[in-house]
Protein backbone atom coordinates (compact mmCIF):
# COMPACT_ATOMS: atom_id res chain seq x y z
CA MET A 1 35.36 103.33 58.22
CA SER A 2 36.03 104.83 61.56
CA MET A 3 39.38 103.02 61.65
CA SER A 4 40.25 104.39 58.25
CA THR A 5 39.63 107.86 59.56
CA GLN A 6 41.90 107.33 62.55
CA HIS A 7 44.82 106.21 60.41
CA GLY A 8 44.57 109.07 57.98
CA GLY A 9 47.96 110.44 56.98
CA GLY A 10 46.95 114.11 57.22
CA ASN A 11 47.40 114.36 61.01
CA ARG A 12 50.19 111.79 61.52
CA LYS A 13 53.50 113.01 62.93
CA PRO A 14 56.76 111.48 61.74
CA SER A 15 58.39 109.10 64.23
CA THR A 16 61.58 110.39 65.80
CA LYS A 17 62.26 107.28 67.87
CA ALA A 18 65.71 105.87 67.37
CA VAL A 19 65.84 102.58 65.58
CA SER A 20 67.81 99.87 67.45
CA GLY A 21 71.19 99.29 65.86
CA ALA A 22 71.04 102.47 63.84
CA LYS A 23 74.14 104.65 63.71
CA PRO A 24 73.95 108.01 65.41
CA LYS A 25 73.45 111.00 63.26
CA GLN A 26 76.56 112.73 62.05
CA GLY A 27 76.97 116.08 60.34
CA GLY A 28 76.05 115.55 56.65
CA ASP A 29 73.69 112.55 57.33
CA GLU A 30 70.74 114.87 58.17
CA ASP A 31 69.34 114.89 54.59
CA ASP A 32 69.61 111.11 54.38
CA ASP A 33 67.55 110.79 57.57
CA LEU A 34 64.87 113.08 56.16
CA ASP A 35 64.56 110.93 53.06
CA VAL A 36 64.29 107.77 55.17
CA LEU A 37 61.48 109.36 57.20
CA GLU A 38 59.63 110.30 54.05
CA ASP A 39 59.85 106.75 52.62
CA SER A 40 58.69 105.31 55.95
CA ASP A 41 55.64 107.56 55.95
CA VAL A 42 54.72 106.57 52.39
CA LEU A 43 54.91 102.89 53.28
CA GLU A 44 52.77 103.37 56.36
CA ASP A 45 50.16 105.32 54.37
CA SER A 46 50.05 102.63 51.70
CA ALA A 47 49.51 99.99 54.33
CA ASP A 48 46.70 102.00 55.89
CA THR A 49 45.09 102.47 52.50
CA SER A 50 45.18 98.73 51.79
CA ALA A 51 43.65 98.00 55.17
CA ASP A 52 40.83 100.46 54.58
CA ALA A 53 40.08 98.94 51.15
CA ALA A 54 39.84 95.47 52.61
CA SER A 55 37.51 96.69 55.33
CA ASP A 56 35.27 98.40 52.81
CA ALA A 57 35.06 95.29 50.65
CA SER A 58 33.89 93.21 53.57
CA SER A 59 31.13 95.66 54.50
CA GLY A 60 30.16 96.72 50.97
CA SER A 61 27.06 94.60 50.96
CA THR A 62 25.25 96.51 53.63
CA ALA A 63 25.95 100.11 52.69
CA ALA A 64 27.93 101.95 50.18
CA ALA A 65 29.48 105.18 51.34
CA PRO A 66 31.43 107.56 49.27
CA ALA A 67 35.23 107.22 49.76
CA LYS A 68 37.08 110.17 51.21
CA PRO A 69 39.91 111.51 49.18
CA LYS A 70 43.32 110.32 50.33
CA ALA A 71 45.70 112.88 51.68
CA ASN A 72 48.99 113.29 49.95
CA PRO A 73 51.55 112.41 52.56
CA ARG A 74 54.11 114.73 51.03
CA ARG A 75 51.71 117.65 51.13
CA SER A 76 50.55 116.93 54.62
CA ALA A 77 53.98 116.28 56.10
CA PRO A 78 55.30 119.12 58.32
CA VAL A 79 57.79 121.46 56.80
CA ARG A 80 61.26 120.53 57.90
CA LYS A 81 63.75 123.24 58.61
CA THR A 82 67.22 122.91 57.17
CA ALA A 83 70.34 124.41 58.65
CA PRO A 84 72.10 127.20 56.75
CA ALA A 85 74.77 126.08 54.33
CA GLY A 86 77.63 127.61 56.33
CA LYS A 87 76.61 125.97 59.58
CA ALA A 88 75.95 122.62 57.87
CA ALA A 89 79.40 122.68 56.24
CA ALA A 90 81.02 123.53 59.56
CA ALA A 91 79.12 120.74 61.27
CA THR A 92 80.11 118.30 58.50
CA THR A 93 83.79 119.30 58.74
CA ALA A 94 83.73 119.00 62.52
CA ALA A 95 82.08 115.57 62.27
CA LYS A 96 84.62 114.31 59.76
CA LYS A 97 87.57 115.36 61.95
CA PRO A 98 88.96 112.34 63.69
CA ALA A 99 88.61 112.48 67.40
CA THR A 100 92.00 113.01 69.04
CA ALA A 101 92.83 112.42 72.64
CA THR A 102 93.77 115.56 74.52
CA ARG A 103 97.40 115.32 75.59
CA PRO A 104 98.17 116.46 79.10
CA ALA A 105 100.27 119.59 79.31
CA VAL A 106 103.93 118.74 79.60
CA LYS A 107 105.69 120.60 82.34
CA LYS A 108 108.98 121.99 81.22
CA ILE A 109 111.83 120.85 83.40
CA ALA A 110 114.63 123.31 83.89
CA PRO A 111 118.01 121.88 82.84
CA VAL A 112 120.17 120.82 85.71
CA LYS A 113 123.60 122.40 85.66
CA VAL A 114 126.21 119.84 86.57
CA LYS A 115 129.33 121.34 88.09
CA GLN A 116 132.28 119.70 86.46
CA GLY A 117 135.39 118.99 88.46
CA LEU A 118 138.68 120.70 87.75
CA SER A 119 140.84 119.19 85.05
CA TRP A 120 144.00 118.43 87.02
CA GLY A 121 146.03 117.23 84.02
CA PRO A 122 146.59 120.64 82.41
CA ILE A 123 146.99 122.24 85.84
CA ALA A 124 149.73 119.80 86.79
CA LEU A 125 151.42 120.30 83.42
CA PHE A 126 151.41 124.09 83.67
CA THR A 127 152.60 123.88 87.28
CA THR A 128 155.50 121.63 86.32
CA VAL A 129 156.47 123.88 83.43
CA GLY A 130 156.25 126.90 85.70
CA VAL A 131 158.45 125.29 88.35
CA LEU A 132 161.02 124.28 85.73
CA ALA A 133 161.00 127.78 84.27
CA LEU A 134 161.49 129.30 87.69
CA GLY A 135 164.30 126.86 88.37
CA ILE A 136 166.07 127.76 85.13
CA VAL A 137 165.64 131.47 85.76
CA GLY A 138 166.78 131.06 89.34
CA PHE A 139 169.85 129.06 88.33
CA ALA A 140 170.74 131.62 85.68
CA ALA A 141 170.34 134.43 88.19
CA TYR A 142 172.51 132.53 90.66
CA GLN A 143 175.20 132.04 88.02
CA VAL A 144 175.12 135.73 87.21
CA TYR A 145 175.37 136.48 90.90
CA GLU A 146 178.21 134.02 91.40
CA ASN A 147 180.09 135.29 88.39
CA GLY A 148 179.63 138.81 89.66
CA LEU A 149 181.24 137.92 92.99
CA GLY A 150 184.94 138.01 93.52
CA TRP A 151 186.76 134.84 94.58
CA GLN A 152 187.18 136.18 98.11
CA ASP A 153 183.44 136.89 98.42
CA ARG A 154 182.67 133.36 97.27
CA ALA A 155 185.14 131.97 99.82
CA ASP A 156 183.56 134.02 102.60
CA GLN A 157 180.20 132.33 101.86
CA ILE A 158 181.60 128.94 102.93
CA SER A 159 180.20 128.07 106.32
CA GLY A 160 182.86 127.93 109.06
CA ILE A 161 185.67 129.43 107.02
CA LYS A 162 188.16 131.80 108.69
CA ASP A 163 189.18 134.77 106.60
CA TYR A 164 192.25 136.23 108.26
CA ARG A 165 192.70 138.68 105.44
CA LYS A 166 189.84 140.55 107.04
CA SER A 167 190.24 139.64 110.69
CA ASP A 168 194.05 139.78 111.06
CA LYS A 169 195.64 141.84 108.32
CA ALA A 170 198.88 142.19 110.30
CA LEU A 171 199.32 138.44 110.32
CA VAL A 172 198.56 138.11 106.63
CA GLY A 173 201.00 140.90 105.85
CA GLN A 174 203.99 138.94 107.24
CA ARG A 175 205.67 137.25 104.31
CA GLU A 176 209.47 137.61 104.68
CA HIS A 177 211.85 134.84 103.56
CA VAL A 178 213.86 133.68 106.55
CA TRP A 179 216.04 130.73 107.47
CA GLY A 180 215.52 128.33 110.28
CA PRO A 181 212.50 127.41 112.40
CA GLN A 182 209.71 129.93 112.93
CA THR A 183 206.93 130.33 115.51
CA TYR A 184 203.39 130.79 114.24
CA LYS A 185 200.24 132.06 115.82
CA LEU A 186 198.02 129.46 114.17
CA SER A 187 198.45 125.72 113.87
CA PRO A 188 198.63 124.90 111.03
CA PRO A 189 199.73 128.39 109.96
CA VAL A 190 198.03 130.32 107.14
CA ALA A 191 200.45 133.25 106.84
CA GLY A 192 203.74 134.57 108.19
CA ASN A 193 207.43 134.68 107.45
CA HIS A 194 208.61 131.47 105.79
CA ASN A 195 211.59 129.60 104.34
CA PRO A 196 212.94 130.62 100.92
CA ASN A 197 212.39 127.03 99.72
CA TRP A 198 208.84 125.91 99.03
CA GLN A 199 207.41 122.45 99.38
CA ARG A 200 206.59 120.93 96.02
CA CYS A 201 202.87 121.24 95.45
CA LEU A 202 202.36 119.35 92.23
CA GLY A 203 199.53 117.17 93.62
CA ASP A 204 201.92 115.69 96.20
CA VAL A 205 200.57 113.46 98.98
CA TYR A 206 203.24 113.27 101.71
CA PRO A 207 203.05 110.28 104.07
CA SER A 208 204.76 112.14 106.92
CA PRO A 209 204.58 115.65 108.40
CA ILE A 210 206.38 118.44 106.59
CA ALA A 211 207.87 121.76 107.83
CA ASN A 212 205.46 124.66 108.24
CA GLU A 213 208.10 127.01 106.83
CA HIS A 214 208.20 125.21 103.46
CA ALA A 215 204.42 124.71 103.28
CA LEU A 216 203.77 128.41 103.85
CA HIS A 217 205.94 129.30 100.89
CA SER A 218 203.75 126.97 98.77
CA LEU A 219 200.63 128.82 100.00
CA GLU A 220 202.23 132.08 98.93
CA HIS A 221 202.40 130.66 95.40
CA GLY A 222 198.65 129.88 95.52
CA ALA A 223 198.57 126.26 96.75
CA VAL A 224 195.93 124.66 99.02
CA TRP A 225 197.43 122.57 101.82
CA ILE A 226 195.30 119.75 103.28
CA THR A 227 196.36 118.50 106.71
CA TYR A 228 194.77 115.71 108.75
CA ASN A 229 195.12 114.15 112.16
CA PRO A 230 197.28 111.01 112.02
CA ASN A 231 194.41 109.11 113.70
CA LEU A 232 192.05 109.82 110.78
CA PRO A 233 190.66 106.53 109.38
CA ALA A 234 192.46 105.26 106.29
CA ASP A 235 189.40 105.48 104.04
CA GLN A 236 189.02 109.18 104.83
CA VAL A 237 192.73 109.74 104.24
CA GLU A 238 192.30 108.15 100.83
CA ALA A 239 189.24 110.29 100.10
CA LEU A 240 191.35 113.37 100.76
CA ALA A 241 194.27 112.07 98.70
CA LYS A 242 191.99 111.66 95.66
CA ARG A 243 191.32 115.37 95.74
CA VAL A 244 195.07 116.09 95.66
CA ARG A 245 196.72 113.63 93.32
CA GLY A 246 197.39 114.97 89.83
CA ASN A 247 196.27 118.51 90.66
CA ASP A 248 198.78 121.32 90.52
CA TYR A 249 198.86 123.75 93.44
CA MET A 250 197.71 120.99 95.82
CA LEU A 251 199.63 119.19 98.63
CA MET A 252 198.66 117.05 101.59
CA SER A 253 200.36 115.78 104.76
CA PRO A 254 199.51 114.49 108.27
CA TYR A 255 199.69 117.03 111.08
CA PRO A 256 200.30 115.94 114.68
CA ASN A 257 198.21 117.40 117.52
CA LEU A 258 195.60 118.79 115.13
CA ASP A 259 192.54 119.96 117.09
CA LYS A 260 190.18 118.80 114.31
CA PRO A 261 190.29 115.70 112.12
CA ILE A 262 190.90 117.76 108.97
CA SER A 263 192.16 121.29 108.34
CA LEU A 264 192.50 123.11 104.98
CA GLN A 265 194.76 126.12 104.44
CA ALA A 266 195.23 128.77 101.76
CA TRP A 267 197.09 132.02 102.23
CA GLY A 268 195.00 133.91 104.79
CA PHE A 269 192.15 131.31 104.90
CA GLN A 270 191.46 128.22 107.01
CA LEU A 271 188.61 125.67 107.23
CA LYS A 272 188.43 122.83 109.76
CA VAL A 273 185.99 119.91 109.29
CA ASP A 274 185.26 116.58 110.92
CA ASN A 275 184.86 114.31 107.92
CA ALA A 276 186.40 113.85 104.49
CA SER A 277 182.94 113.71 102.91
CA ASP A 278 182.19 117.31 103.91
CA LYS A 279 181.20 119.21 100.76
CA ARG A 280 182.83 122.37 102.03
CA ILE A 281 186.23 120.83 101.27
CA ASP A 282 185.52 121.00 97.54
CA GLU A 283 184.10 124.51 97.86
CA PHE A 284 187.27 125.65 99.63
CA ILE A 285 189.52 124.17 96.94
CA LYS A 286 187.43 125.60 94.10
CA SER A 287 187.32 129.09 95.56
CA LEU A 288 190.93 129.48 96.75
CA ARG A 289 193.30 127.31 94.75
CA GLN A 290 195.59 129.75 92.89
CA ASN A 291 193.13 132.58 93.59
CA ALA A 292 194.64 133.24 97.03
CA SER A 293 198.15 133.50 95.58
CA LEU A 294 200.32 136.47 96.52
CA GLU A 295 202.62 135.65 93.61
CA PRO A 296 200.27 134.72 90.73
CA GLY A 297 201.83 132.53 88.05
CA THR A 298 204.74 131.32 90.22
CA PRO A 299 204.90 127.53 89.81
CA CYS A 300 205.15 124.82 92.46
CA SER A 301 206.95 122.36 90.20
CA LYS A 302 210.39 123.93 89.69
CA GLY A 303 212.98 126.11 91.46
CA ASP A 304 214.36 125.70 94.97
CA MET A 305 211.63 123.35 96.03
CA ILE A 306 211.71 120.73 98.75
CA THR A 307 210.34 117.19 98.43
CA GLU A 308 211.68 115.87 101.75
CA THR A 309 209.47 115.38 104.79
CA GLY A 310 210.20 116.38 108.41
CA THR A 311 209.16 119.28 110.61
CA THR A 312 212.58 120.94 110.63
CA PRO A 313 213.12 123.30 107.65
CA HIS A 314 215.70 122.37 105.04
CA ASP A 315 217.72 125.52 104.45
CA LEU A 316 218.59 124.74 100.88
CA GLY A 317 220.91 127.50 99.52
CA LYS A 318 221.78 129.03 102.84
CA ASP A 319 225.44 129.09 101.74
CA GLY A 320 224.49 130.81 98.46
CA THR A 321 224.41 127.82 96.13
CA GLY A 322 220.70 127.44 96.46
CA GLN A 323 220.05 131.10 95.72
CA GLN A 324 222.12 130.94 92.50
CA GLN A 325 220.18 127.85 91.35
CA GLN A 326 216.92 129.59 92.18
CA GLN A 327 217.82 132.66 90.11
CA GLN A 328 218.83 130.48 87.13
CA GLN A 329 215.53 128.60 87.17
CA GLY A 330 213.44 131.75 87.70
CA GLY A 331 212.32 130.64 91.13
CA ASN A 332 211.39 132.88 94.00
């Protein structure tokens, strides 16, 4: 009976020892655990009661003692405190939330500014267009400038040219018609008194020297006279002849004792060069052919003209017949 007293349920505390293999408590499982504890206590009390009954049966023959009333395990169990509804709900919600791994803070990286290289395609295009535009404008301005210049100003721009109209006006002013040979300051001459008959200057290329007196009269009409040293190579002679043939107010002849390989003459102008490929030859012809004429409009192709060669003047009409023919044909 003493053992029965020791196992009485009135003073027994519920076991809080974790059962091996049992899941840990989570939020809303608290009530379920309380019920399990209650059932466990009932089973233990029933077992104790059965044990006490068996012990009493075995000792019943010697003495009979009154049985103590059994304690109601539910009444004797300690009052369990329950959490407030708000806290229990919060705990349940927190327990049901899936556990998430905390992500490390991501450090923001400042964007790297990449310096792009210059786009050379458009730059080259605009540069080319600009250069072309400047070239066109420059050429137009040059043309306006050239057109604004007089023929004499353009001639004076030729490098190496001699303008005796400015430097020797007395020489240029001599232009009388005289017979016979004349003496000239310059060789070949560019101005002075000359023979009444002019050398034909209808793109004529004379193979031999001609008289200065006849050539000067051609210059008075506005012709350009090309002379060359007889020792000038044949290919250069031909290059000069191509500039003369078929061109009115042009004539060409060799000139002995010339101090330069080539010499060009117009009335009051002279240019001496060393080679037939010199570009100044064309500039001289362009600027002065017909422009340097003292008798504009007078032709080289008719009248008392001379086609013969030789350095002695041919006084055609000295006896009067030549002058009559000249007046009939409108010559000078």
